[in-house]
C-alpha atoms as a PDB file:
ATOM      1  CA  MET A   1      69.609 -67.147 -69.639  1.00  0.00           C
ATOM      2  CA  LEU A   2      70.635 -63.525 -70.262  1.00  0.00           C
ATOM      3  CA  ARG A   3      67.466 -62.870 -72.256  1.00  0.00           C
ATOM      4  CA  GLN A   4      65.280 -64.415 -69.557  1.00  0.00           C
ATOM      5  CA  THR A   5      66.969 -62.159 -66.998  1.00  0.00           C
ATOM      6  CA  LYS A   6      66.195 -59.105 -69.125  1.00  0.00           C
ATOM      7  CA  ILE A   7      62.586 -60.235 -69.495  1.00  0.00           C
ATOM      8  CA  ALA A   8      62.275 -60.751 -65.727  1.00  0.00           C
ATOM      9  CA  LEU A   9      63.636 -57.265 -65.033  1.00  0.00           C
ATOM     10  CA  ILE A  10      61.165 -55.674 -67.466  1.00  0.00           C
ATOM     11  CA  PHE A  11      58.413 -57.725 -65.841  1.00  0.00           C
ATOM     12  CA  ALA A  12      59.482 -56.204 -62.491  1.00  0.00           C
ATOM     13  CA  VAL A  13      59.249 -52.658 -63.894  1.00  0.00           C
ATOM     14  CA  ALA A  14      55.797 -53.467 -65.309  1.00  0.00           C
ATOM     15  CA  LEU A  15      54.767 -54.762 -61.907  1.00  0.00           C
ATOM     16  CA  TRP A  16      56.156 -51.618 -60.213  1.00  0.00           C
ATOM     17  CA  GLY A  17      54.076 -49.371 -62.493  1.00  0.00           C
ATOM     18  CA  SER A  18      50.947 -51.511 -62.121  1.00  0.00           C
ATOM     19  CA  VAL A  19      51.124 -51.752 -58.331  1.00  0.00           C
ATOM     20  CA  GLY A  20      51.973 -48.059 -58.021  1.00  0.00           C
ATOM     21  CA  ALA A  21      49.080 -46.985 -60.243  1.00  0.00           C
ATOM     22  CA  LEU A  22      46.677 -49.329 -58.455  1.00  0.00           C
ATOM     23  CA  PHE A  23      47.565 -47.966 -55.030  1.00  0.00           C
ATOM     24  CA  ASN A  24      47.444 -44.375 -56.298  1.00  0.00           C
ATOM     25  CA  LEU A  25      43.894 -45.102 -57.472  1.00  0.00           C
ATOM     26  CA  LEU A  26      42.817 -47.025 -54.365  1.00  0.00           C
ATOM     27  CA  ASP A  27      43.991 -44.146 -52.179  1.00  0.00           C
ATOM     28  CA  TRP A  28      43.209 -41.297 -54.564  1.00  0.00           C
ATOM     29  CA  SER A  29      42.527 -38.870 -51.714  1.00  0.00           C
ATOM     30  CA  GLY A  30      45.955 -39.724 -50.268  1.00  0.00           C
ATOM     31  CA  THR A  31      47.552 -39.238 -53.680  1.00  0.00           C
ATOM     32  CA  LEU A  32      45.940 -35.807 -53.987  1.00  0.00           C
ATOM     33  CA  ALA A  33      46.932 -34.930 -50.427  1.00  0.00           C
ATOM     34  CA  SER A  34      50.563 -35.882 -51.087  1.00  0.00           C
ATOM     35  CA  VAL A  35      50.769 -33.765 -54.230  1.00  0.00           C
ATOM     36  CA  ASN A  36      49.064 -30.899 -52.392  1.00  0.00           C
ATOM     37  CA  LEU A  37      51.593 -31.122 -49.556  1.00  0.00           C
ATOM     38  CA  ALA A  38      54.376 -30.653 -52.103  1.00  0.00           C
ATOM     39  CA  THR A  39      52.760 -27.855 -54.125  1.00  0.00           C
ATOM     40  CA  SER A  40      51.471 -25.931 -51.093  1.00  0.00           C
ATOM     41  CA  MET A  41      54.967 -26.110 -49.575  1.00  0.00           C
ATOM     42  CA  SER A  42      53.223 -26.527 -46.217  1.00  0.00           C
ATOM     43  CA  THR A  43      55.845 -28.925 -44.839  1.00  0.00           C
ATOM     44  CA  ILE A  44      58.579 -26.299 -45.232  1.00  0.00           C
ATOM     45  CA  GLU A  45      59.079 -23.529 -42.690  1.00  0.00           C
ATOM     46  CA  GLY A  46      57.802 -20.346 -44.319  1.00  0.00           C
ATOM     47  CA  GLY A  47      57.057 -22.211 -47.542  1.00  0.00           C
ATOM     48  CA  GLN A  48      53.372 -21.332 -47.730  1.00  0.00           C
ATOM     49  CA  GLU A  49      54.198 -17.620 -47.801  1.00  0.00           C
ATOM     50  CA  GLY A  50      56.396 -17.972 -50.902  1.00  0.00           C
ATOM     51  CA  TRP A  51      55.214 -16.971 -54.361  1.00  0.00           C
ATOM     52  CA  LYS A  52      55.594 -20.535 -55.667  1.00  0.00           C
ATOM     53  CA  ALA A  53      53.307 -22.160 -53.106  1.00  0.00           C
ATOM     54  CA  THR A  54      49.855 -23.069 -54.346  1.00  0.00           C
ATOM     55  CA  SER A  55      46.907 -25.017 -53.018  1.00  0.00           C
ATOM     56  CA  SER A  56      45.162 -24.917 -56.387  1.00  0.00           C
ATOM     57  CA  MET A  57      43.165 -28.097 -56.903  1.00  0.00           C
ATOM     58  CA  ILE A  58      43.862 -27.814 -60.643  1.00  0.00           C
ATOM     59  CA  VAL A  59      47.617 -27.983 -60.008  1.00  0.00           C
ATOM     60  CA  THR A  60      47.122 -30.798 -57.488  1.00  0.00           C
ATOM     61  CA  TRP A  61      44.969 -32.835 -59.887  1.00  0.00           C
ATOM     62  CA  LEU A  62      47.343 -32.251 -62.804  1.00  0.00           C
ATOM     63  CA  GLY A  63      50.274 -33.473 -60.713  1.00  0.00           C
ATOM     64  CA  ALA A  64      48.402 -36.532 -59.452  1.00  0.00           C
ATOM     65  CA  LEU A  65      47.115 -37.401 -62.937  1.00  0.00           C
ATOM     66  CA  PHE A  66      50.621 -37.011 -64.366  1.00  0.00           C
ATOM     67  CA  ILE A  67      51.962 -39.514 -61.832  1.00  0.00           C
ATOM     68  CA  LEU A  68      49.069 -41.936 -62.356  1.00  0.00           C
ATOM     69  CA  TRP A  69      49.108 -41.867 -66.161  1.00  0.00           C
ATOM     70  CA  ALA A  70      52.886 -42.142 -66.332  1.00  0.00           C
ATOM     71  CA  LYS A  71      52.765 -45.265 -64.163  1.00  0.00           C
ATOM     72  CA  ILE A  72      49.943 -46.740 -66.249  1.00  0.00           C
ATOM     73  CA  LEU A  73      51.726 -46.003 -69.538  1.00  0.00           C
ATOM     74  CA  SER A  74      55.047 -47.249 -68.218  1.00  0.00           C
ATOM     75  CA  ALA A  75      53.450 -50.481 -67.018  1.00  0.00           C
ATOM     76  CA  ALA A  76      51.539 -50.996 -70.273  1.00  0.00           C
ATOM     77  CA  PHE A  77      54.644 -50.539 -72.427  1.00  0.00           C
ATOM     78  CA  CYS A  78      56.674 -52.803 -70.147  1.00  0.00           C
ATOM     79  CA  TRP A  79      53.994 -55.542 -70.087  1.00  0.00           C
ATOM     80  CA  PHE A  80      53.795 -55.389 -73.891  1.00  0.00           C
ATOM     81  CA  GLY A  81      57.578 -55.325 -74.188  1.00  0.00           C
ATOM     82  CA  ALA A  82      58.006 -58.272 -71.793  1.00  0.00           C
ATOM     83  CA  HIS A  83      55.490 -60.256 -73.853  1.00  0.00           C
ATOM     84  CA  ARG A  84      57.290 -59.436 -77.107  1.00  0.00           C
ATOM     85  CA  MET A  85      60.669 -60.207 -75.560  1.00  0.00           C
ATOM     86  CA  TRP A  86      59.388 -63.553 -74.283  1.00  0.00           C
ATOM     87  CA  SER A  87      58.045 -64.377 -77.759  1.00  0.00           C
ATOM     88  CA  ALA A  88      61.422 -63.484 -79.301  1.00  0.00           C
ATOM     89  CA  ARG A  89      63.609 -65.051 -76.605  1.00  0.00           C
ATOM     90  CA  THR A  90      64.911 -67.749 -78.972  1.00  0.00           C
ATOM     91  CA  ALA A  91      65.006 -65.552 -82.078  1.00  0.00           C
ATOM     92  CA  ARG A  92      68.040 -63.965 -83.664  1.00  0.00           C
ATOM     93  CA  THR A  93      69.559 -60.926 -81.962  1.00  0.00           C
ATOM     94  CA  GLU A  94      68.039 -58.360 -84.307  1.00  0.00           C
ATOM     95  CA  TYR A  95      64.508 -59.691 -83.636  1.00  0.00           C
ATOM     96  CA  PHE A  96      65.030 -59.699 -79.896  1.00  0.00           C
ATOM     97  CA  SER A  97      66.438 -56.180 -80.133  1.00  0.00           C
ATOM     98  CA  VAL A  98      63.281 -54.960 -81.879  1.00  0.00           C
ATOM     99  CA  ALA A  99      61.126 -56.784 -79.313  1.00  0.00           C
ATOM    100  CA  LYS A 100      62.825 -54.811 -76.500  1.00  0.00           C
ATOM    101  CA  GLN A 101      61.789 -51.408 -77.823  1.00  0.00           C
ATOM    102  CA  PRO A 102      58.367 -51.094 -76.108  1.00  0.00           C
ATOM    103  CA  ALA A 103      59.910 -52.146 -72.791  1.00  0.00           C
ATOM    104  CA  LEU A 104      62.600 -49.490 -73.133  1.00  0.00           C
ATOM    105  CA  VAL A 105      59.922 -46.888 -73.912  1.00  0.00           C
ATOM    106  CA  GLY A 106      58.099 -47.956 -70.737  1.00  0.00           C
ATOM    107  CA  CYS A 107      61.264 -47.547 -68.692  1.00  0.00           C
ATOM    108  CA  GLY A 108      61.831 -44.142 -70.294  1.00  0.00           C
ATOM    109  CA  ILE A 109      58.323 -42.979 -69.376  1.00  0.00           C
ATOM    110  CA  ALA A 110      58.863 -44.064 -65.757  1.00  0.00           C
ATOM    111  CA  VAL A 111      62.215 -42.293 -65.511  1.00  0.00           C
ATOM    112  CA  PHE A 112      60.766 -39.178 -67.166  1.00  0.00           C
ATOM    113  CA  MET A 113      57.942 -39.038 -64.611  1.00  0.00           C
ATOM    114  CA  LEU A 114      60.249 -39.675 -61.663  1.00  0.00           C
ATOM    115  CA  PHE A 115      62.858 -37.147 -62.774  1.00  0.00           C
ATOM    116  CA  SER A 116      60.635 -34.374 -64.128  1.00  0.00           C
ATOM    117  CA  GLY A 117      57.821 -34.754 -61.614  1.00  0.00           C
ATOM    118  CA  PHE A 118      59.725 -35.417 -58.432  1.00  0.00           C
ATOM    119  CA  ILE A 119      63.204 -34.014 -58.997  1.00  0.00           C
ATOM    120  CA  VAL A 120      62.596 -31.042 -61.310  1.00  0.00           C
ATOM    121  CA  ILE A 121      59.127 -29.916 -60.215  1.00  0.00           C
ATOM    122  CA  ALA A 122      58.702 -31.105 -56.612  1.00  0.00           C
ATOM    123  CA  GLU A 123      62.300 -30.922 -55.424  1.00  0.00           C
ATOM    124  CA  SER A 124      63.638 -27.980 -57.403  1.00  0.00           C
ATOM    125  CA  PHE A 125      60.623 -25.758 -58.035  1.00  0.00           C
ATOM    126  CA  PHE A 126      58.583 -26.496 -54.891  1.00  0.00           C
ATOM    127  CA  GLU A 127      61.766 -26.908 -52.800  1.00  0.00           C
ATOM    128  CA  LEU A 128      60.786 -30.301 -51.423  1.00  0.00           C
ATOM    129  CA  TRP A 129      64.429 -30.864 -50.548  1.00  0.00           C
ATOM    130  CA  ARG A 130      63.808 -28.557 -47.576  1.00  0.00           C
ATOM    131  CA  SER A 131      61.002 -30.740 -46.197  1.00  0.00           C
ATOM    132  CA  GLU A 132      62.132 -33.041 -43.386  1.00  0.00           C
ATOM    133  CA  LEU A 133      58.778 -34.844 -43.685  1.00  0.00           C
ATOM    134  CA  LEU A 134      58.547 -35.485 -47.436  1.00  0.00           C
ATOM    135  CA  ARG A 135      62.179 -35.630 -48.540  1.00  0.00           C
ATOM    136  CA  PRO A 136      62.762 -39.219 -47.371  1.00  0.00           C
ATOM    137  CA  ILE A 137      59.317 -40.435 -48.442  1.00  0.00           C
ATOM    138  CA  ALA A 138      59.024 -38.814 -51.850  1.00  0.00           C
ATOM    139  CA  LEU A 139      62.407 -37.719 -53.101  1.00  0.00           C
ATOM    140  CA  GLU A 140      64.574 -40.572 -51.886  1.00  0.00           C
ATOM    141  CA  SER A 141      62.040 -43.104 -53.179  1.00  0.00           C
ATOM    142  CA  ALA A 142      61.788 -41.360 -56.543  1.00  0.00           C
ATOM    143  CA  PHE A 143      65.567 -41.306 -56.861  1.00  0.00           C
ATOM    144  CA  ARG A 144      65.824 -44.980 -55.903  1.00  0.00           C
ATOM    145  CA  TYR A 145      63.104 -46.019 -58.380  1.00  0.00           C
ATOM    146  CA  GLY A 146      64.521 -43.836 -61.140  1.00  0.00           C
ATOM    147  CA  ALA A 147      68.041 -45.156 -60.617  1.00  0.00           C
ATOM    148  CA  MET A 148      66.949 -48.795 -60.601  1.00  0.00           C
ATOM    149  CA  ILE A 149      64.702 -48.426 -63.654  1.00  0.00           C
ATOM    150  CA  SER A 150      67.489 -46.570 -65.486  1.00  0.00           C
ATOM    151  CA  LEU A 151      69.973 -49.342 -64.713  1.00  0.00           C
ATOM    152  CA  ILE A 152      67.474 -51.952 -65.850  1.00  0.00           C
ATOM    153  CA  ALA A 153      66.891 -50.059 -69.106  1.00  0.00           C
ATOM    154  CA  ILE A 154      70.630 -49.736 -69.751  1.00  0.00           C
ATOM    155  CA  PHE A 155      71.140 -53.462 -69.085  1.00  0.00           C
ATOM    156  CA  VAL A 156      68.180 -54.499 -71.246  1.00  0.00           C
ATOM    157  CA  ALA A 157      69.261 -52.186 -74.082  1.00  0.00           C
ATOM    158  CA  GLN A 158      72.674 -53.861 -74.328  1.00  0.00           C
ATOM    159  CA  PRO A 159      72.856 -56.176 -77.326  1.00  0.00           C
ATOM    160  CA  GLU A 160      73.528 -59.834 -76.827  1.00  0.00           C
ATOM    161  CA  SER A 161      76.591 -61.064 -78.652  1.00  0.00           C
ATOM    162  CA  GLU A 162      75.416 -63.081 -81.661  1.00  0.00           C
ATOM    163  CA  PRO A 163      78.656 -65.100 -82.006  1.00  0.00           C
ATOM    164  CA  ALA A 164      78.472 -66.045 -78.324  1.00  0.00           C
ATOM    165  CA  LEU A 165      74.858 -67.135 -78.696  1.00  0.00           C
ATOM    166  CA  GLU A 166      75.655 -69.185 -81.793  1.00  0.00           C
ATOM    167  CA  ALA A 167      78.589 -70.853 -80.017  1.00  0.00           C
ATOM    168  CA  PHE A 168      76.339 -71.635 -77.056  1.00  0.00           C
ATOM    169  CA  GLU A 169      73.643 -73.082 -79.314  1.00  0.00           C
ATOM    170  CA  LEU A 170      76.205 -75.212 -81.137  1.00  0.00           C
ATOM    171  CA  ALA A 171      77.698 -76.463 -77.865  1.00  0.00           C
ATOM    172  CA  ASN A 172      74.271 -77.404 -76.548  1.00  0.00           C
ATOM    173  CA  LYS A 173      73.002 -79.096 -79.731  1.00  0.00           C
ATOM    174  CA  GLY A 174      74.747 -82.321 -78.875  1.00  0.00           C
ATOM    175  CA  THR A 175      73.277 -82.389 -75.360  1.00  0.00           C
ATOM    176  CA  GLU A 176      69.625 -82.323 -76.437  1.00  0.00           C
END
């Protein structure tokens, strides 16, 4: 049951990345507008006059593409990892451990995007923490997603105890 729980959690991260990427694509103009609001610093009093503020479409597109591709890559690695984990769910611990690796890479990509894109670049460099409008929408969501995905990755990365699994299998052999 522990392995199935880990698989379900990775499936949820894959779904998060897939749904997020899909909606970023379906509302691409909204995605660009959101990134532009952060980089132009227009939601911060006096922000547009600062040297860091930019309305460059190149910067806006790079930010939006970074978010989109990170979600796509995260989802792809997690879908692949969930499939491998499901295939190895009854295998020995070392095989299941190897099967988890793509899923953990997917989680790492998601956390990297959320931390570097939203916390380091948007919050710290573009001072999004000062924006009453975007702070709750962008930063609090990014923190919540990053924290949950990190916890999932830590939980999934934990090895299952082989002796406990063997004892469970032995105990259940007589009930089949």
